[in-house]
Amino acid sequence: MRTLCSSTLIGEALLAMFAGLVAMRLSSVSTAAVWIVTGIAMALCIALCGMINRPGAVQIGWALQIGLIASGFILPTMFGLGVVFAALWWCSVHYGRKVDEFKAARAAAVAAAAEA
């Protein structure tokens, strides 16, 4: 799960950077505000990569997805991209947990076979 979620978060960090560049050119929001929000989003994505297996990290990731979708009020394209990354986040969490469960069951079966 950590690999899948981290890949999604790195993609989001890059998306936030590029969206910041576009928002600076297209919106009436100040450049400083765009870079502050973009910097916070990027830092949160990178920090969350290292915290994936800790309690509450998935919920923080969901909050990040909602924030990304909400950034569509500044840059309308972000509504669509936010939905895409929210779907990627769901897939990463869902299938990552399935893979982790499969690996744990397989390790338990190997350990049981070794004892027998």
N, C-alpha and C. Protein backbone atom coordinates (compact mmCIF):
# COMPACT_ATOMS: atom_id res chain seq x y z
N MET A 1 0.83 -1.19 0.00
CA MET A 1 0.00 0.00 0.00
C MET A 1 0.87 1.24 0.00
N ARG A 2 1.98 1.16 0.70
CA ARG A 2 2.85 2.33 0.79
C ARG A 2 3.35 2.78 -0.58
N THR A 3 3.73 1.83 -1.41
CA THR A 3 4.24 2.18 -2.74
C THR A 3 3.17 2.82 -3.60
N LEU A 4 1.98 2.23 -3.61
CA LEU A 4 0.90 2.79 -4.43
C LEU A 4 0.50 4.19 -3.97
N CYS A 5 0.33 4.35 -2.67
CA CYS A 5 -0.08 5.66 -2.14
C CYS A 5 1.01 6.71 -2.34
N SER A 6 2.26 6.31 -2.15
CA SER A 6 3.36 7.26 -2.34
C SER A 6 3.45 7.71 -3.79
N SER A 7 3.23 6.80 -4.72
CA SER A 7 3.25 7.17 -6.14
C SER A 7 2.16 8.19 -6.45
N THR A 8 0.98 7.96 -5.90
CA THR A 8 -0.12 8.91 -6.11
C THR A 8 0.22 10.27 -5.51
N LEU A 9 0.80 10.28 -4.33
CA LEU A 9 1.13 11.54 -3.67
C LEU A 9 2.23 12.31 -4.40
N ILE A 10 3.21 11.60 -4.93
CA ILE A 10 4.26 12.28 -5.71
C ILE A 10 3.65 12.89 -6.97
N GLY A 11 2.76 12.17 -7.61
CA GLY A 11 2.05 12.72 -8.77
C GLY A 11 1.26 13.96 -8.40
N GLU A 12 0.63 13.93 -7.25
CA GLU A 12 -0.13 15.10 -6.79
C GLU A 12 0.77 16.28 -6.49
N ALA A 13 1.93 16.02 -5.92
CA ALA A 13 2.87 17.11 -5.65
C ALA A 13 3.29 17.79 -6.96
N LEU A 14 3.58 16.99 -7.97
CA LEU A 14 3.94 17.56 -9.27
C LEU A 14 2.76 18.32 -9.88
N LEU A 15 1.57 17.76 -9.75
CA LEU A 15 0.38 18.42 -10.26
C LEU A 15 0.16 19.76 -9.55
N ALA A 16 0.37 19.78 -8.24
CA ALA A 16 0.20 21.03 -7.49
C ALA A 16 1.18 22.09 -7.98
N MET A 17 2.42 21.67 -8.26
CA MET A 17 3.42 22.62 -8.74
C MET A 17 3.00 23.20 -10.09
N PHE A 18 2.60 22.33 -11.01
CA PHE A 18 2.20 22.81 -12.33
C PHE A 18 0.92 23.64 -12.26
N ALA A 19 -0.01 23.25 -11.39
CA ALA A 19 -1.24 24.02 -11.23
C ALA A 19 -0.93 25.40 -10.65
N GLY A 20 0.05 25.47 -9.76
CA GLY A 20 0.46 26.77 -9.23
C GLY A 20 1.00 27.68 -10.31
N LEU A 21 1.78 27.12 -11.21
CA LEU A 21 2.32 27.92 -12.32
C LEU A 21 1.20 28.44 -13.22
N VAL A 22 0.22 27.58 -13.49
CA VAL A 22 -0.90 27.99 -14.33
C VAL A 22 -1.78 29.00 -13.60
N ALA A 23 -2.04 28.75 -12.32
CA ALA A 23 -2.89 29.66 -11.55
C ALA A 23 -2.29 31.05 -11.45
N MET A 24 -0.96 31.11 -11.38
CA MET A 24 -0.29 32.40 -11.32
C MET A 24 -0.58 33.22 -12.56
N ARG A 25 -0.64 32.57 -13.69
CA ARG A 25 -0.84 33.27 -14.96
C ARG A 25 -2.31 33.58 -15.24
N LEU A 26 -3.22 32.70 -14.80
CA LEU A 26 -4.60 32.82 -15.22
C LEU A 26 -5.53 33.50 -14.22
N SER A 27 -5.26 33.36 -12.93
CA SER A 27 -6.23 33.85 -11.96
C SER A 27 -5.87 35.24 -11.46
N SER A 28 -6.83 35.80 -10.78
CA SER A 28 -6.64 37.14 -10.21
C SER A 28 -6.08 37.06 -8.79
N VAL A 29 -5.74 35.87 -8.34
CA VAL A 29 -5.18 35.68 -7.00
C VAL A 29 -3.71 36.10 -7.02
N SER A 30 -3.24 36.62 -5.91
CA SER A 30 -1.86 37.10 -5.87
C SER A 30 -0.88 35.95 -6.00
N THR A 31 0.27 36.26 -6.55
CA THR A 31 1.32 35.26 -6.76
C THR A 31 1.77 34.66 -5.44
N ALA A 32 1.89 35.48 -4.42
CA ALA A 32 2.34 34.98 -3.11
C ALA A 32 1.34 33.97 -2.54
N ALA A 33 0.05 34.26 -2.66
CA ALA A 33 -0.97 33.34 -2.15
C ALA A 33 -0.93 32.01 -2.89
N VAL A 34 -0.74 32.08 -4.20
CA VAL A 34 -0.68 30.84 -5.00
C VAL A 34 0.51 30.00 -4.57
N TRP A 35 1.67 30.63 -4.38
CA TRP A 35 2.86 29.86 -4.01
C TRP A 35 2.80 29.33 -2.59
N ILE A 36 2.16 30.08 -1.70
CA ILE A 36 2.01 29.59 -0.32
C ILE A 36 1.12 28.35 -0.30
N VAL A 37 -0.03 28.43 -0.96
CA VAL A 37 -0.94 27.28 -1.01
C VAL A 37 -0.30 26.11 -1.74
N THR A 38 0.37 26.39 -2.84
CA THR A 38 1.04 25.32 -3.60
C THR A 38 2.15 24.69 -2.77
N GLY A 39 2.93 25.50 -2.11
CA GLY A 39 4.02 24.98 -1.27
C GLY A 39 3.51 24.11 -0.13
N ILE A 40 2.42 24.54 0.50
CA ILE A 40 1.83 23.75 1.58
C ILE A 40 1.32 22.42 1.04
N ALA A 41 0.64 22.45 -0.10
CA ALA A 41 0.12 21.20 -0.69
C ALA A 41 1.25 20.25 -1.07
N MET A 42 2.30 20.79 -1.67
CA MET A 42 3.43 19.94 -2.05
C MET A 42 4.13 19.36 -0.83
N ALA A 43 4.34 20.18 0.19
CA ALA A 43 5.00 19.70 1.41
C ALA A 43 4.16 18.64 2.11
N LEU A 44 2.84 18.82 2.11
CA LEU A 44 1.96 17.83 2.72
C LEU A 44 2.01 16.52 1.95
N CYS A 45 2.03 16.59 0.63
CA CYS A 45 2.13 15.37 -0.18
C CYS A 45 3.42 14.62 0.11
N ILE A 46 4.52 15.33 0.15
CA ILE A 46 5.82 14.69 0.38
C ILE A 46 5.89 14.13 1.81
N ALA A 47 5.42 14.89 2.79
CA ALA A 47 5.45 14.41 4.18
C ALA A 47 4.56 13.19 4.37
N LEU A 48 3.43 13.20 3.69
CA LEU A 48 2.49 12.09 3.82
C LEU A 48 3.04 10.80 3.22
N CYS A 49 3.93 10.93 2.25
CA CYS A 49 4.56 9.73 1.66
C CYS A 49 5.26 8.89 2.73
N GLY A 50 5.90 9.54 3.67
CA GLY A 50 6.62 8.83 4.71
C GLY A 50 5.76 8.36 5.86
N MET A 51 4.50 8.80 5.88
CA MET A 51 3.62 8.46 7.00
C MET A 51 2.49 7.51 6.61
N ILE A 52 2.54 6.90 5.45
CA ILE A 52 1.43 6.11 4.93
C ILE A 52 0.98 5.01 5.89
N ASN A 53 1.90 4.31 6.52
CA ASN A 53 1.52 3.18 7.38
C ASN A 53 1.17 3.59 8.81
N ARG A 54 1.14 4.87 9.08
CA ARG A 54 0.80 5.34 10.43
C ARG A 54 -0.70 5.59 10.54
N PRO A 55 -1.22 5.52 11.78
CA PRO A 55 -2.65 5.77 11.97
C PRO A 55 -3.03 7.19 11.54
N GLY A 56 -4.12 7.31 10.84
CA GLY A 56 -4.62 8.61 10.42
C GLY A 56 -4.07 9.11 9.09
N ALA A 57 -3.07 8.45 8.54
CA ALA A 57 -2.45 8.93 7.30
C ALA A 57 -3.42 8.84 6.12
N VAL A 58 -4.20 7.79 6.07
CA VAL A 58 -5.16 7.64 4.96
C VAL A 58 -6.22 8.73 5.04
N GLN A 59 -6.66 9.06 6.25
CA GLN A 59 -7.65 10.12 6.41
C GLN A 59 -7.07 11.48 6.03
N ILE A 60 -5.82 11.72 6.38
CA ILE A 60 -5.17 12.97 5.95
C ILE A 60 -5.07 13.00 4.43
N GLY A 61 -4.79 11.85 3.84
CA GLY A 61 -4.76 11.76 2.37
C GLY A 61 -6.11 12.09 1.75
N TRP A 62 -7.19 11.63 2.38
CA TRP A 62 -8.52 11.97 1.87
C TRP A 62 -8.78 13.47 2.00
N ALA A 63 -8.34 14.07 3.10
CA ALA A 63 -8.50 15.52 3.26
C ALA A 63 -7.72 16.27 2.18
N LEU A 64 -6.56 15.74 1.84
CA LEU A 64 -5.76 16.34 0.77
C LEU A 64 -6.49 16.25 -0.57
N GLN A 65 -7.15 15.12 -0.81
CA GLN A 65 -7.91 14.97 -2.06
C GLN A 65 -9.05 15.97 -2.13
N ILE A 66 -9.73 16.17 -1.01
CA ILE A 66 -10.83 17.14 -0.97
C ILE A 66 -10.29 18.54 -1.19
N GLY A 67 -9.14 18.84 -0.60
CA GLY A 67 -8.51 20.14 -0.83
C GLY A 67 -8.12 20.35 -2.28
N LEU A 68 -7.65 19.29 -2.92
CA LEU A 68 -7.27 19.38 -4.32
C LEU A 68 -8.49 19.66 -5.20
N ILE A 69 -9.59 18.99 -4.89
CA ILE A 69 -10.82 19.24 -5.65
C ILE A 69 -11.32 20.66 -5.38
N ALA A 70 -11.24 21.10 -4.12
CA ALA A 70 -11.69 22.46 -3.77
C ALA A 70 -10.84 23.53 -4.42
N SER A 71 -9.60 23.21 -4.77
CA SER A 71 -8.76 24.20 -5.45
C SER A 71 -9.30 24.52 -6.84
N GLY A 72 -10.29 23.77 -7.28
CA GLY A 72 -10.94 24.07 -8.54
C GLY A 72 -11.67 25.40 -8.53
N PHE A 73 -11.92 25.95 -7.35
CA PHE A 73 -12.53 27.28 -7.28
C PHE A 73 -11.56 28.36 -7.74
N ILE A 74 -10.26 28.07 -7.61
CA ILE A 74 -9.24 29.01 -8.08
C ILE A 74 -8.90 28.73 -9.53
N LEU A 75 -8.71 27.46 -9.84
CA LEU A 75 -8.36 27.02 -11.18
C LEU A 75 -9.33 25.92 -11.58
N PRO A 76 -10.34 26.21 -12.40
CA PRO A 76 -11.41 25.25 -12.69
C PRO A 76 -10.95 23.88 -13.20
N THR A 77 -9.83 23.81 -13.85
CA THR A 77 -9.33 22.53 -14.34
C THR A 77 -9.05 21.57 -13.19
N MET A 78 -8.77 22.13 -12.02
CA MET A 78 -8.44 21.29 -10.87
C MET A 78 -9.63 20.47 -10.37
N PHE A 79 -10.85 20.85 -10.71
CA PHE A 79 -11.98 20.01 -10.34
C PHE A 79 -11.82 18.62 -10.97
N GLY A 80 -11.59 18.61 -12.27
CA GLY A 80 -11.42 17.33 -12.97
C GLY A 80 -10.19 16.58 -12.53
N LEU A 81 -9.06 17.28 -12.42
CA LEU A 81 -7.83 16.62 -11.99
C LEU A 81 -7.93 16.14 -10.54
N GLY A 82 -8.63 16.90 -9.71
CA GLY A 82 -8.82 16.48 -8.33
C GLY A 82 -9.63 15.19 -8.23
N VAL A 83 -10.65 15.08 -9.07
CA VAL A 83 -11.46 13.85 -9.10
C VAL A 83 -10.61 12.68 -9.57
N VAL A 84 -9.77 12.90 -10.57
CA VAL A 84 -8.89 11.83 -11.06
C VAL A 84 -7.94 11.37 -9.96
N PHE A 85 -7.33 12.30 -9.24
CA PHE A 85 -6.40 11.92 -8.19
C PHE A 85 -7.13 11.33 -6.98
N ALA A 86 -8.35 11.75 -6.72
CA ALA A 86 -9.14 11.12 -5.66
C ALA A 86 -9.43 9.66 -6.02
N ALA A 87 -9.72 9.41 -7.29
CA ALA A 87 -9.94 8.03 -7.74
C ALA A 87 -8.64 7.22 -7.65
N LEU A 88 -7.53 7.83 -8.01
CA LEU A 88 -6.24 7.14 -7.87
C LEU A 88 -5.93 6.86 -6.40
N TRP A 89 -6.26 7.80 -5.52
CA TRP A 89 -6.03 7.59 -4.10
C TRP A 89 -6.87 6.41 -3.59
N TRP A 90 -8.15 6.38 -4.00
CA TRP A 90 -9.02 5.28 -3.59
C TRP A 90 -8.45 3.94 -4.07
N CYS A 91 -8.05 3.89 -5.34
CA CYS A 91 -7.46 2.66 -5.87
C CYS A 91 -6.20 2.26 -5.12
N SER A 92 -5.36 3.24 -4.82
CA SER A 92 -4.12 2.95 -4.10
C SER A 92 -4.39 2.38 -2.72
N VAL A 93 -5.34 2.98 -2.01
CA VAL A 93 -5.66 2.50 -0.67
C VAL A 93 -6.35 1.14 -0.74
N HIS A 94 -7.33 1.01 -1.61
CA HIS A 94 -8.11 -0.23 -1.70
C HIS A 94 -7.25 -1.41 -2.13
N TYR A 95 -6.57 -1.27 -3.25
CA TYR A 95 -5.78 -2.39 -3.76
C TYR A 95 -4.49 -2.58 -2.95
N GLY A 96 -3.96 -1.52 -2.38
CA GLY A 96 -2.80 -1.66 -1.52
C GLY A 96 -3.10 -2.49 -0.29
N ARG A 97 -4.28 -2.28 0.29
CA ARG A 97 -4.69 -3.09 1.45
C ARG A 97 -4.90 -4.54 1.05
N LYS A 98 -5.49 -4.76 -0.12
CA LYS A 98 -5.68 -6.14 -0.59
C LYS A 98 -4.34 -6.86 -0.78
N VAL A 99 -3.38 -6.18 -1.36
CA VAL A 99 -2.06 -6.78 -1.57
C VAL A 99 -1.40 -7.05 -0.22
N ASP A 100 -1.50 -6.11 0.72
CA ASP A 100 -0.93 -6.31 2.04
C ASP A 100 -1.57 -7.50 2.76
N GLU A 101 -2.90 -7.63 2.64
CA GLU A 101 -3.59 -8.77 3.24
C GLU A 101 -3.15 -10.08 2.60
N PHE A 102 -3.00 -10.08 1.28
CA PHE A 102 -2.57 -11.28 0.58
C PHE A 102 -1.17 -11.69 1.02
N LYS A 103 -0.27 -10.72 1.13
CA LYS A 103 1.09 -11.02 1.57
C LYS A 103 1.11 -11.56 2.99
N ALA A 104 0.29 -11.00 3.87
CA ALA A 104 0.23 -11.48 5.25
C ALA A 104 -0.31 -12.90 5.31
N ALA A 105 -1.35 -13.19 4.54
CA ALA A 105 -1.92 -14.54 4.52
C ALA A 105 -0.92 -15.54 3.96
N ARG A 106 -0.20 -15.13 2.93
CA ARG A 106 0.80 -16.00 2.32
C ARG A 106 1.95 -16.27 3.30
N ALA A 107 2.40 -15.24 4.02
CA ALA A 107 3.45 -15.43 5.01
C ALA A 107 2.99 -16.34 6.14
N ALA A 108 1.71 -16.22 6.55
CA ALA A 108 1.17 -17.09 7.60
C ALA A 108 1.11 -18.54 7.12
N ALA A 109 0.74 -18.73 5.84
CA ALA A 109 0.66 -20.09 5.30
C ALA A 109 2.06 -20.69 5.21
N VAL A 110 3.05 -19.92 4.82
CA VAL A 110 4.41 -20.42 4.74
C VAL A 110 4.92 -20.77 6.13
N ALA A 111 4.62 -19.92 7.12
CA ALA A 111 5.05 -20.19 8.49
C ALA A 111 4.37 -21.45 9.04
N ALA A 112 3.06 -21.63 8.71
CA ALA A 112 2.36 -22.82 9.16
C ALA A 112 2.91 -24.07 8.50
N ALA A 113 3.27 -23.97 7.23
CA ALA A 113 3.84 -25.12 6.51
C ALA A 113 5.22 -25.46 7.06
N ALA A 114 5.96 -24.45 7.49
CA ALA A 114 7.31 -24.70 8.02
C ALA A 114 7.24 -25.38 9.38
N GLU A 115 6.18 -25.09 10.17
CA GLU A 115 6.03 -25.72 11.47
C GLU A 115 5.56 -27.17 11.35
N ALA A 116 4.84 -27.47 10.29
CA ALA A 116 4.29 -28.83 10.14
C ALA A 116 5.28 -29.83 9.66
